[in-house]
């Protein structure tokens, strides 16, 4: 599996000011943003999450919405780990987004904890309306609250729209990522 450039974020990039931006806009989406709720995923959300993961050309080739058993097993493992958080974005009772957050304690950067965000997805019918930006703003604030000093993520090479999105949030391409299927 090819993985694009590894991105990182630092407080010095001005994300604090991004977090403080007012949600004032003439867009009709402002009301929707006020209704968007981020919460830890529950077992009952797994089917919706898997559908989101499969909701693009890349995900459709690797996810299987017909057999949820492996996802339920993975969810149980993730749920037991205090350093992992599977999040859903809910709007009017419907799961419209998801992401997987991991806090990684480490020795580098003076013993800093890193935040890792993966599997960021917004329902394809709702993309482009600011939901992904709200989800990521929430993640940045949550990583800060948990004491993380750096956020990192990877994005598949063909996901050029996602790359532009992360850059617009203040992430920088700082590393080249590698992966190996086992």
N, C-alpha and C. Protein backbone atom coordinates (compact mmCIF):
# COMPACT_ATOMS: atom_id res chain seq x y z
N UNK A 1 0.85 -1.16 0.00
CA UNK A 1 0.00 0.00 0.00
C UNK A 1 0.90 1.23 0.00
N UNK A 2 0.70 2.11 -0.95
CA UNK A 2 1.47 3.33 -0.99
C UNK A 2 0.90 4.34 -0.01
N UNK A 3 1.77 5.02 0.66
CA UNK A 3 1.34 6.04 1.60
C UNK A 3 2.03 7.34 1.21
N UNK A 4 1.29 8.42 1.16
CA UNK A 4 1.87 9.69 0.76
C UNK A 4 2.70 10.28 1.87
N UNK A 5 3.13 11.47 1.65
CA UNK A 5 3.98 12.16 2.61
C UNK A 5 3.36 12.17 3.99
N UNK A 6 4.19 11.95 4.95
CA UNK A 6 3.83 11.96 6.35
C UNK A 6 3.73 13.42 6.75
N UNK A 7 2.65 13.81 7.38
CA UNK A 7 2.44 15.22 7.71
C UNK A 7 2.50 15.40 9.21
N UNK A 8 2.95 16.57 9.63
CA UNK A 8 2.91 16.88 11.06
C UNK A 8 2.41 18.28 11.27
N UNK A 9 1.99 18.52 12.49
CA UNK A 9 1.45 19.82 12.85
C UNK A 9 2.11 20.25 14.15
N UNK A 10 2.39 21.52 14.27
CA UNK A 10 2.96 22.05 15.50
C UNK A 10 2.15 23.28 15.92
N UNK A 11 2.13 23.56 17.20
CA UNK A 11 1.41 24.74 17.68
C UNK A 11 1.88 26.01 16.99
N UNK A 12 3.15 26.06 16.64
CA UNK A 12 3.70 27.27 16.03
C UNK A 12 3.15 27.54 14.64
N UNK A 13 2.41 26.62 14.08
CA UNK A 13 1.85 26.82 12.75
C UNK A 13 0.57 27.65 12.77
N UNK A 14 0.16 28.07 13.94
CA UNK A 14 -1.02 28.92 14.03
C UNK A 14 -2.33 28.17 14.16
N UNK A 15 -2.27 26.92 14.56
CA UNK A 15 -3.51 26.17 14.68
C UNK A 15 -4.34 26.71 15.83
N UNK A 16 -3.67 27.28 16.86
CA UNK A 16 -4.44 27.88 17.95
C UNK A 16 -5.38 28.95 17.41
N UNK A 17 -4.89 29.75 16.47
CA UNK A 17 -5.77 30.78 15.91
C UNK A 17 -6.86 30.15 15.07
N UNK A 18 -6.56 29.04 14.40
CA UNK A 18 -7.58 28.32 13.63
C UNK A 18 -8.69 27.85 14.57
N UNK A 19 -8.29 27.36 15.73
CA UNK A 19 -9.28 26.87 16.69
C UNK A 19 -10.14 27.99 17.24
N UNK A 20 -9.63 29.21 17.29
CA UNK A 20 -10.36 30.33 17.85
C UNK A 20 -11.22 31.05 16.83
N UNK A 21 -11.10 30.68 15.56
CA UNK A 21 -11.89 31.36 14.53
C UNK A 21 -13.37 31.24 14.86
N UNK A 22 -14.07 32.33 14.67
CA UNK A 22 -15.52 32.31 14.90
C UNK A 22 -16.19 31.58 13.75
N UNK A 23 -17.28 30.97 14.04
CA UNK A 23 -18.02 30.23 13.02
C UNK A 23 -19.03 31.14 12.32
N UNK A 24 -18.64 32.38 12.11
CA UNK A 24 -19.54 33.29 11.43
C UNK A 24 -19.38 33.14 9.93
N UNK A 25 -20.49 32.97 9.26
CA UNK A 25 -20.47 32.78 7.82
C UNK A 25 -21.87 33.02 7.30
N UNK A 26 -21.93 33.43 6.04
CA UNK A 26 -23.25 33.58 5.43
C UNK A 26 -23.74 32.26 4.84
N UNK A 27 -22.92 31.23 4.97
CA UNK A 27 -23.25 29.92 4.43
C UNK A 27 -24.41 29.29 5.20
N UNK A 28 -25.30 28.59 4.49
CA UNK A 28 -26.38 27.89 5.20
C UNK A 28 -25.85 26.74 6.05
N UNK A 29 -24.57 26.36 5.88
CA UNK A 29 -24.01 25.26 6.65
C UNK A 29 -23.74 25.62 8.10
N UNK A 30 -23.77 26.92 8.44
CA UNK A 30 -23.49 27.33 9.81
C UNK A 30 -24.43 26.63 10.78
N UNK A 31 -25.73 26.58 10.47
CA UNK A 31 -26.68 25.90 11.34
C UNK A 31 -26.38 24.43 11.47
N UNK A 32 -25.96 23.82 10.39
CA UNK A 32 -25.59 22.40 10.42
C UNK A 32 -24.39 22.19 11.32
N UNK A 33 -23.39 23.07 11.22
CA UNK A 33 -22.19 22.92 12.05
C UNK A 33 -22.52 22.99 13.53
N UNK A 34 -23.49 23.81 13.88
CA UNK A 34 -23.89 23.91 15.28
C UNK A 34 -24.57 22.63 15.76
N UNK A 35 -25.09 21.83 14.85
CA UNK A 35 -25.76 20.59 15.21
C UNK A 35 -24.81 19.38 15.17
N UNK A 36 -23.63 19.56 14.58
CA UNK A 36 -22.69 18.46 14.44
C UNK A 36 -22.15 18.07 15.81
N UNK A 37 -22.18 16.78 16.10
CA UNK A 37 -21.75 16.28 17.40
C UNK A 37 -20.66 15.23 17.19
N UNK A 38 -19.51 15.44 17.82
CA UNK A 38 -18.44 14.45 17.81
C UNK A 38 -18.53 13.64 19.10
N UNK A 39 -18.42 12.32 18.97
CA UNK A 39 -18.52 11.46 20.15
C UNK A 39 -17.74 10.18 19.91
N UNK A 40 -17.37 9.49 20.98
CA UNK A 40 -16.73 8.18 20.81
C UNK A 40 -17.69 7.22 20.10
N UNK A 41 -17.15 6.43 19.21
CA UNK A 41 -17.97 5.45 18.50
C UNK A 41 -18.44 4.36 19.47
N UNK A 42 -19.59 3.81 19.15
CA UNK A 42 -20.15 2.69 19.90
C UNK A 42 -20.27 1.50 18.96
N UNK A 43 -20.42 0.34 19.54
CA UNK A 43 -20.54 -0.89 18.73
C UNK A 43 -21.62 -0.75 17.67
N UNK A 44 -22.72 -0.09 18.01
CA UNK A 44 -23.83 0.08 17.07
C UNK A 44 -23.46 0.95 15.86
N UNK A 45 -22.35 1.67 15.94
CA UNK A 45 -21.91 2.55 14.84
C UNK A 45 -21.05 1.83 13.80
N UNK A 46 -20.65 0.60 14.09
CA UNK A 46 -19.66 -0.07 13.23
C UNK A 46 -20.12 -0.17 11.78
N UNK A 47 -21.33 -0.55 11.52
CA UNK A 47 -21.78 -0.66 10.13
C UNK A 47 -21.68 0.69 9.42
N UNK A 48 -22.10 1.75 10.08
CA UNK A 48 -22.01 3.09 9.49
C UNK A 48 -20.56 3.48 9.23
N UNK A 49 -19.68 3.17 10.17
CA UNK A 49 -18.26 3.50 10.01
C UNK A 49 -17.68 2.75 8.82
N UNK A 50 -17.96 1.46 8.72
CA UNK A 50 -17.42 0.67 7.61
C UNK A 50 -17.96 1.19 6.28
N UNK A 51 -19.21 1.57 6.24
CA UNK A 51 -19.76 2.17 5.00
C UNK A 51 -19.01 3.45 4.63
N UNK A 52 -18.68 4.27 5.62
CA UNK A 52 -17.89 5.47 5.35
C UNK A 52 -16.50 5.11 4.84
N UNK A 53 -15.88 4.11 5.45
CA UNK A 53 -14.54 3.70 5.02
C UNK A 53 -14.55 3.17 3.58
N UNK A 54 -15.66 2.58 3.19
CA UNK A 54 -15.77 2.00 1.84
C UNK A 54 -16.31 3.00 0.82
N UNK A 55 -16.58 4.22 1.26
CA UNK A 55 -17.29 5.20 0.44
C UNK A 55 -16.39 6.01 -0.49
N UNK A 56 -15.40 5.38 -1.08
CA UNK A 56 -14.61 6.00 -2.13
C UNK A 56 -13.90 4.90 -2.92
N UNK A 57 -13.24 5.28 -3.99
CA UNK A 57 -12.65 4.29 -4.89
C UNK A 57 -11.62 3.42 -4.19
N UNK A 58 -10.81 3.99 -3.31
CA UNK A 58 -9.78 3.21 -2.62
C UNK A 58 -10.42 2.31 -1.57
N UNK A 59 -11.27 2.88 -0.73
CA UNK A 59 -11.91 2.11 0.34
C UNK A 59 -12.78 0.99 -0.17
N UNK A 60 -13.42 1.21 -1.31
CA UNK A 60 -14.30 0.18 -1.88
C UNK A 60 -13.54 -1.08 -2.25
N UNK A 61 -12.24 -0.96 -2.48
CA UNK A 61 -11.44 -2.14 -2.85
C UNK A 61 -10.91 -2.91 -1.65
N UNK A 62 -10.98 -2.33 -0.47
CA UNK A 62 -10.38 -3.01 0.68
C UNK A 62 -11.32 -3.23 1.85
N UNK A 63 -12.48 -2.61 1.87
CA UNK A 63 -13.42 -2.79 2.98
C UNK A 63 -14.54 -3.72 2.53
N UNK A 64 -15.14 -4.42 3.51
CA UNK A 64 -16.19 -5.38 3.20
C UNK A 64 -17.39 -5.14 4.11
N UNK A 65 -18.37 -4.43 3.59
CA UNK A 65 -19.55 -4.10 4.40
C UNK A 65 -20.46 -5.31 4.59
N UNK A 66 -20.20 -6.39 3.87
CA UNK A 66 -21.02 -7.61 3.99
C UNK A 66 -20.62 -8.48 5.17
N UNK A 67 -19.37 -8.35 5.64
CA UNK A 67 -18.89 -9.16 6.77
C UNK A 67 -18.30 -8.21 7.81
N UNK A 68 -19.06 -7.89 8.83
CA UNK A 68 -18.63 -6.93 9.83
C UNK A 68 -17.87 -7.56 11.00
N UNK A 69 -17.78 -8.89 11.04
CA UNK A 69 -17.13 -9.56 12.17
C UNK A 69 -15.72 -9.05 12.45
N UNK A 70 -14.85 -8.93 11.43
CA UNK A 70 -13.50 -8.44 11.74
C UNK A 70 -13.50 -7.01 12.30
N UNK A 71 -14.45 -6.21 11.88
CA UNK A 71 -14.55 -4.84 12.37
C UNK A 71 -15.01 -4.81 13.82
N UNK A 72 -15.94 -5.71 14.17
CA UNK A 72 -16.37 -5.79 15.56
C UNK A 72 -15.22 -6.22 16.46
N UNK A 73 -14.42 -7.20 16.00
CA UNK A 73 -13.26 -7.64 16.79
C UNK A 73 -12.27 -6.49 16.97
N UNK A 74 -12.00 -5.77 15.89
CA UNK A 74 -11.07 -4.64 15.96
C UNK A 74 -11.61 -3.56 16.90
N UNK A 75 -12.91 -3.30 16.83
CA UNK A 75 -13.52 -2.29 17.69
C UNK A 75 -13.33 -2.65 19.16
N UNK A 76 -13.51 -3.92 19.49
CA UNK A 76 -13.32 -4.35 20.89
C UNK A 76 -11.89 -4.07 21.36
N UNK A 77 -10.91 -4.34 20.51
CA UNK A 77 -9.51 -4.09 20.87
C UNK A 77 -9.25 -2.59 21.03
N UNK A 78 -9.72 -1.82 20.08
CA UNK A 78 -9.53 -0.36 20.14
C UNK A 78 -10.18 0.20 21.39
N UNK A 79 -11.36 -0.26 21.72
CA UNK A 79 -12.12 0.24 22.87
C UNK A 79 -11.42 -0.01 24.19
N UNK A 80 -10.60 -1.05 24.28
CA UNK A 80 -9.90 -1.39 25.51
C UNK A 80 -8.67 -0.51 25.75
N UNK A 81 -8.20 0.17 24.72
CA UNK A 81 -6.95 0.92 24.78
C UNK A 81 -7.22 2.40 25.06
N UNK A 82 -6.78 2.89 26.22
CA UNK A 82 -7.02 4.28 26.60
C UNK A 82 -6.33 5.28 25.68
N UNK A 83 -5.36 4.83 24.92
CA UNK A 83 -4.65 5.72 23.99
C UNK A 83 -5.26 5.71 22.59
N UNK A 84 -6.40 5.09 22.43
CA UNK A 84 -7.07 5.05 21.14
C UNK A 84 -8.48 5.61 21.30
N UNK A 85 -8.91 6.32 20.26
CA UNK A 85 -10.25 6.87 20.28
C UNK A 85 -10.82 6.81 18.86
N UNK A 86 -11.83 6.01 18.69
CA UNK A 86 -12.56 5.95 17.43
C UNK A 86 -13.73 6.91 17.58
N UNK A 87 -13.80 7.90 16.68
CA UNK A 87 -14.75 9.00 16.80
C UNK A 87 -15.74 8.94 15.65
N UNK A 88 -16.98 9.30 15.94
CA UNK A 88 -17.95 9.53 14.87
C UNK A 88 -18.45 10.96 14.96
N UNK A 89 -18.77 11.51 13.81
CA UNK A 89 -19.43 12.81 13.72
C UNK A 89 -20.88 12.51 13.40
N UNK A 90 -21.76 13.03 14.21
CA UNK A 90 -23.19 12.72 14.09
C UNK A 90 -23.96 14.01 13.80
N UNK A 91 -24.88 13.90 12.86
CA UNK A 91 -25.72 15.03 12.49
C UNK A 91 -27.15 14.54 12.41
N UNK A 92 -28.02 15.10 13.22
CA UNK A 92 -29.43 14.72 13.25
C UNK A 92 -29.60 13.21 13.42
N UNK A 93 -28.79 12.61 14.31
CA UNK A 93 -28.89 11.20 14.61
C UNK A 93 -28.22 10.28 13.60
N UNK A 94 -27.61 10.83 12.56
CA UNK A 94 -26.97 10.03 11.52
C UNK A 94 -25.45 10.19 11.60
N UNK A 95 -24.72 9.08 11.51
CA UNK A 95 -23.26 9.13 11.47
C UNK A 95 -22.85 9.60 10.08
N UNK A 96 -22.21 10.77 10.03
CA UNK A 96 -21.82 11.38 8.75
C UNK A 96 -20.31 11.47 8.59
N UNK A 97 -19.56 11.10 9.63
CA UNK A 97 -18.11 11.15 9.56
C UNK A 97 -17.49 10.28 10.62
N UNK A 98 -16.20 10.01 10.43
CA UNK A 98 -15.46 9.20 11.40
C UNK A 98 -13.97 9.50 11.30
N UNK A 99 -13.25 9.14 12.33
CA UNK A 99 -11.79 9.15 12.33
C UNK A 99 -11.30 8.31 13.50
N UNK A 100 -10.06 7.88 13.38
CA UNK A 100 -9.43 7.06 14.42
C UNK A 100 -8.25 7.87 14.95
N UNK A 101 -8.27 8.15 16.25
CA UNK A 101 -7.21 8.92 16.89
C UNK A 101 -6.40 8.01 17.81
N UNK A 102 -5.08 8.16 17.78
CA UNK A 102 -4.20 7.39 18.65
C UNK A 102 -3.21 8.35 19.31
N UNK A 103 -3.04 8.22 20.61
CA UNK A 103 -2.05 8.98 21.34
C UNK A 103 -0.85 8.06 21.56
N UNK A 104 0.34 8.52 21.15
CA UNK A 104 1.53 7.69 21.19
C UNK A 104 2.57 8.34 22.10
N UNK A 105 2.70 7.85 23.34
CA UNK A 105 3.77 8.37 24.20
C UNK A 105 5.11 7.97 23.61
N UNK A 106 6.09 8.84 23.72
CA UNK A 106 7.40 8.52 23.16
C UNK A 106 8.52 9.26 23.85
N UNK A 107 9.74 8.89 23.51
CA UNK A 107 10.91 9.51 24.10
C UNK A 107 11.39 10.72 23.30
N UNK A 108 11.17 10.71 21.99
CA UNK A 108 11.66 11.82 21.18
C UNK A 108 10.88 13.10 21.46
N UNK A 109 11.43 14.20 21.04
CA UNK A 109 10.82 15.51 21.30
C UNK A 109 10.62 15.71 22.81
N UNK A 110 11.66 15.37 23.57
CA UNK A 110 11.65 15.56 25.03
C UNK A 110 10.54 14.77 25.71
N UNK A 111 10.30 13.57 25.26
CA UNK A 111 9.29 12.71 25.89
C UNK A 111 7.86 13.09 25.56
N UNK A 112 7.68 13.68 24.40
CA UNK A 112 6.35 14.15 24.00
C UNK A 112 5.43 13.01 23.58
N UNK A 113 4.16 13.28 23.73
CA UNK A 113 3.13 12.40 23.20
C UNK A 113 2.71 12.93 21.83
N UNK A 114 2.63 12.03 20.86
CA UNK A 114 2.20 12.39 19.51
C UNK A 114 0.76 11.96 19.32
N UNK A 115 0.06 12.71 18.52
CA UNK A 115 -1.29 12.31 18.12
C UNK A 115 -1.22 11.79 16.70
N UNK A 116 -1.85 10.67 16.46
CA UNK A 116 -1.92 10.09 15.12
C UNK A 116 -3.39 10.04 14.73
N UNK A 117 -3.71 10.57 13.57
CA UNK A 117 -5.09 10.53 13.10
C UNK A 117 -5.12 9.73 11.80
N UNK A 118 -6.06 8.82 11.71
CA UNK A 118 -6.20 7.94 10.55
C UNK A 118 -7.67 7.79 10.21
N UNK A 119 -7.90 7.29 9.02
CA UNK A 119 -9.25 6.91 8.58
C UNK A 119 -10.25 8.04 8.73
N UNK A 120 -9.86 9.23 8.32
CA UNK A 120 -10.77 10.38 8.36
C UNK A 120 -11.71 10.25 7.16
N UNK A 121 -13.00 10.21 7.43
CA UNK A 121 -13.98 10.08 6.35
C UNK A 121 -15.21 10.92 6.64
N UNK A 122 -15.74 11.52 5.60
CA UNK A 122 -17.03 12.20 5.64
C UNK A 122 -17.88 11.56 4.56
N UNK A 123 -19.15 11.35 4.84
CA UNK A 123 -20.08 10.78 3.85
C UNK A 123 -19.93 11.55 2.54
N UNK A 124 -19.78 10.82 1.44
CA UNK A 124 -19.52 11.46 0.14
C UNK A 124 -20.61 12.44 -0.25
N UNK A 125 -21.84 12.22 0.17
CA UNK A 125 -22.92 13.14 -0.19
C UNK A 125 -22.84 14.44 0.60
N UNK A 126 -21.98 14.49 1.61
CA UNK A 126 -21.88 15.68 2.46
C UNK A 126 -20.51 16.35 2.39
N UNK A 127 -19.62 15.85 1.54
CA UNK A 127 -18.29 16.44 1.43
C UNK A 127 -18.37 17.82 0.81
N UNK A 128 -17.42 18.66 1.21
CA UNK A 128 -17.35 20.01 0.67
C UNK A 128 -18.16 21.03 1.44
N UNK A 129 -18.83 20.61 2.49
CA UNK A 129 -19.67 21.52 3.27
C UNK A 129 -19.07 21.96 4.59
N UNK A 130 -17.83 21.57 4.87
CA UNK A 130 -17.17 22.00 6.10
C UNK A 130 -17.20 21.00 7.23
N UNK A 131 -17.84 19.85 7.04
CA UNK A 131 -17.91 18.85 8.11
C UNK A 131 -16.52 18.29 8.44
N UNK A 132 -15.73 18.01 7.42
CA UNK A 132 -14.38 17.49 7.64
C UNK A 132 -13.51 18.49 8.39
N UNK A 133 -13.64 19.76 8.07
CA UNK A 133 -12.89 20.81 8.75
C UNK A 133 -13.29 20.86 10.24
N UNK A 134 -14.58 20.76 10.52
CA UNK A 134 -15.04 20.74 11.91
C UNK A 134 -14.52 19.50 12.64
N UNK A 135 -14.56 18.36 11.98
CA UNK A 135 -14.07 17.12 12.59
C UNK A 135 -12.58 17.26 12.93
N UNK A 136 -11.79 17.81 12.02
CA UNK A 136 -10.36 17.96 12.27
C UNK A 136 -10.09 19.04 13.32
N UNK A 137 -10.85 20.11 13.34
CA UNK A 137 -10.69 21.12 14.40
C UNK A 137 -10.93 20.48 15.76
N UNK A 138 -11.97 19.65 15.82
CA UNK A 138 -12.27 18.96 17.07
C UNK A 138 -11.10 18.05 17.46
N UNK A 139 -10.55 17.33 16.48
CA UNK A 139 -9.43 16.42 16.75
C UNK A 139 -8.21 17.19 17.27
N UNK A 140 -7.90 18.31 16.64
CA UNK A 140 -6.76 19.11 17.07
C UNK A 140 -6.95 19.55 18.52
N UNK A 141 -8.13 20.04 18.84
CA UNK A 141 -8.41 20.47 20.21
C UNK A 141 -8.32 19.30 21.19
N UNK A 142 -8.82 18.13 20.79
CA UNK A 142 -8.78 16.95 21.66
C UNK A 142 -7.34 16.48 21.88
N UNK A 143 -6.53 16.49 20.82
CA UNK A 143 -5.12 16.12 20.98
C UNK A 143 -4.42 17.11 21.92
N UNK A 144 -4.70 18.39 21.78
CA UNK A 144 -4.11 19.38 22.68
C UNK A 144 -4.56 19.12 24.11
N UNK A 145 -5.83 18.86 24.30
CA UNK A 145 -6.37 18.59 25.64
C UNK A 145 -5.68 17.39 26.28
N UNK A 146 -5.32 16.41 25.46
CA UNK A 146 -4.66 15.21 25.97
C UNK A 146 -3.15 15.35 26.06
N UNK A 147 -2.62 16.54 25.78
CA UNK A 147 -1.19 16.80 25.98
C UNK A 147 -0.29 16.46 24.81
N UNK A 148 -0.85 16.18 23.66
CA UNK A 148 -0.02 15.89 22.49
C UNK A 148 0.71 17.14 22.04
N UNK A 149 1.95 16.98 21.58
CA UNK A 149 2.75 18.10 21.11
C UNK A 149 2.84 18.14 19.59
N UNK A 150 2.54 17.04 18.95
CA UNK A 150 2.60 16.95 17.49
C UNK A 150 1.44 16.06 17.03
N UNK A 151 0.84 16.41 15.92
CA UNK A 151 -0.15 15.54 15.28
C UNK A 151 0.45 15.09 13.95
N UNK A 152 0.32 13.83 13.67
CA UNK A 152 0.81 13.30 12.40
C UNK A 152 -0.27 12.48 11.74
N UNK A 153 -0.17 12.39 10.42
CA UNK A 153 -1.11 11.59 9.67
C UNK A 153 -0.47 11.18 8.36
N UNK A 154 -1.03 10.17 7.76
CA UNK A 154 -0.63 9.77 6.42
C UNK A 154 -1.88 9.79 5.55
N UNK A 155 -1.65 9.90 4.26
CA UNK A 155 -2.75 9.93 3.31
C UNK A 155 -2.30 9.21 2.06
N UNK A 156 -3.13 8.37 1.52
CA UNK A 156 -2.78 7.62 0.32
C UNK A 156 -2.44 8.59 -0.82
N UNK A 157 -1.46 8.23 -1.63
CA UNK A 157 -1.01 9.11 -2.71
C UNK A 157 -2.12 9.60 -3.63
N UNK A 158 -3.07 8.75 -4.03
CA UNK A 158 -4.12 9.25 -4.95
C UNK A 158 -5.11 10.23 -4.34
N UNK A 159 -5.09 10.41 -3.04
CA UNK A 159 -6.07 11.27 -2.37
C UNK A 159 -5.62 12.74 -2.40
N UNK A 160 -5.46 13.29 -3.57
CA UNK A 160 -4.94 14.65 -3.71
C UNK A 160 -5.87 15.70 -3.10
N UNK A 161 -7.18 15.49 -3.15
CA UNK A 161 -8.09 16.44 -2.50
C UNK A 161 -7.86 16.45 -0.99
N UNK A 162 -7.64 15.28 -0.42
CA UNK A 162 -7.37 15.19 1.02
C UNK A 162 -6.06 15.90 1.36
N UNK A 163 -5.05 15.77 0.50
CA UNK A 163 -3.76 16.43 0.75
C UNK A 163 -3.96 17.95 0.81
N UNK A 164 -4.69 18.48 -0.15
CA UNK A 164 -4.97 19.93 -0.15
C UNK A 164 -5.74 20.33 1.12
N UNK A 165 -6.67 19.49 1.52
CA UNK A 165 -7.45 19.75 2.73
C UNK A 165 -6.54 19.84 3.95
N UNK A 166 -5.66 18.86 4.14
CA UNK A 166 -4.78 18.87 5.31
C UNK A 166 -3.83 20.08 5.28
N UNK A 167 -3.32 20.41 4.12
CA UNK A 167 -2.46 21.59 4.01
C UNK A 167 -3.24 22.85 4.39
N UNK A 168 -4.51 22.93 4.01
CA UNK A 168 -5.32 24.11 4.34
C UNK A 168 -5.57 24.24 5.84
N UNK A 169 -5.42 23.14 6.57
CA UNK A 169 -5.60 23.16 8.02
C UNK A 169 -4.32 23.54 8.77
N UNK A 170 -3.21 23.66 8.04
CA UNK A 170 -1.94 24.01 8.67
C UNK A 170 -0.97 22.86 8.80
N UNK A 171 -1.33 21.68 8.32
CA UNK A 171 -0.39 20.57 8.32
C UNK A 171 0.68 20.86 7.27
N UNK A 172 1.87 20.33 7.48
CA UNK A 172 2.96 20.46 6.52
C UNK A 172 3.42 19.08 6.09
N UNK A 173 3.86 18.97 4.85
CA UNK A 173 4.48 17.72 4.41
C UNK A 173 5.92 17.76 4.90
N UNK A 174 6.22 16.90 5.86
CA UNK A 174 7.54 16.92 6.48
C UNK A 174 8.29 15.61 6.36
N UNK A 175 7.62 14.55 6.01
CA UNK A 175 8.24 13.23 5.95
C UNK A 175 7.74 12.50 4.72
N UNK A 176 8.44 11.46 4.38
CA UNK A 176 7.99 10.53 3.34
C UNK A 176 7.59 9.26 4.05
N UNK A 177 6.36 8.81 3.85
CA UNK A 177 5.86 7.64 4.56
C UNK A 177 6.05 6.36 3.77
N UNK A 178 6.18 5.26 4.48
CA UNK A 178 6.33 3.95 3.88
C UNK A 178 5.40 2.98 4.59
N UNK A 179 4.97 1.96 3.90
CA UNK A 179 4.17 0.92 4.54
C UNK A 179 4.50 -0.42 3.88
N UNK A 180 4.13 -1.49 4.57
CA UNK A 180 4.37 -2.84 4.07
C UNK A 180 3.19 -3.71 4.47
N UNK A 181 2.56 -4.34 3.51
CA UNK A 181 1.49 -5.28 3.84
C UNK A 181 2.09 -6.54 4.42
N UNK A 182 1.49 -7.06 5.46
CA UNK A 182 1.97 -8.30 6.09
C UNK A 182 0.94 -9.39 5.94
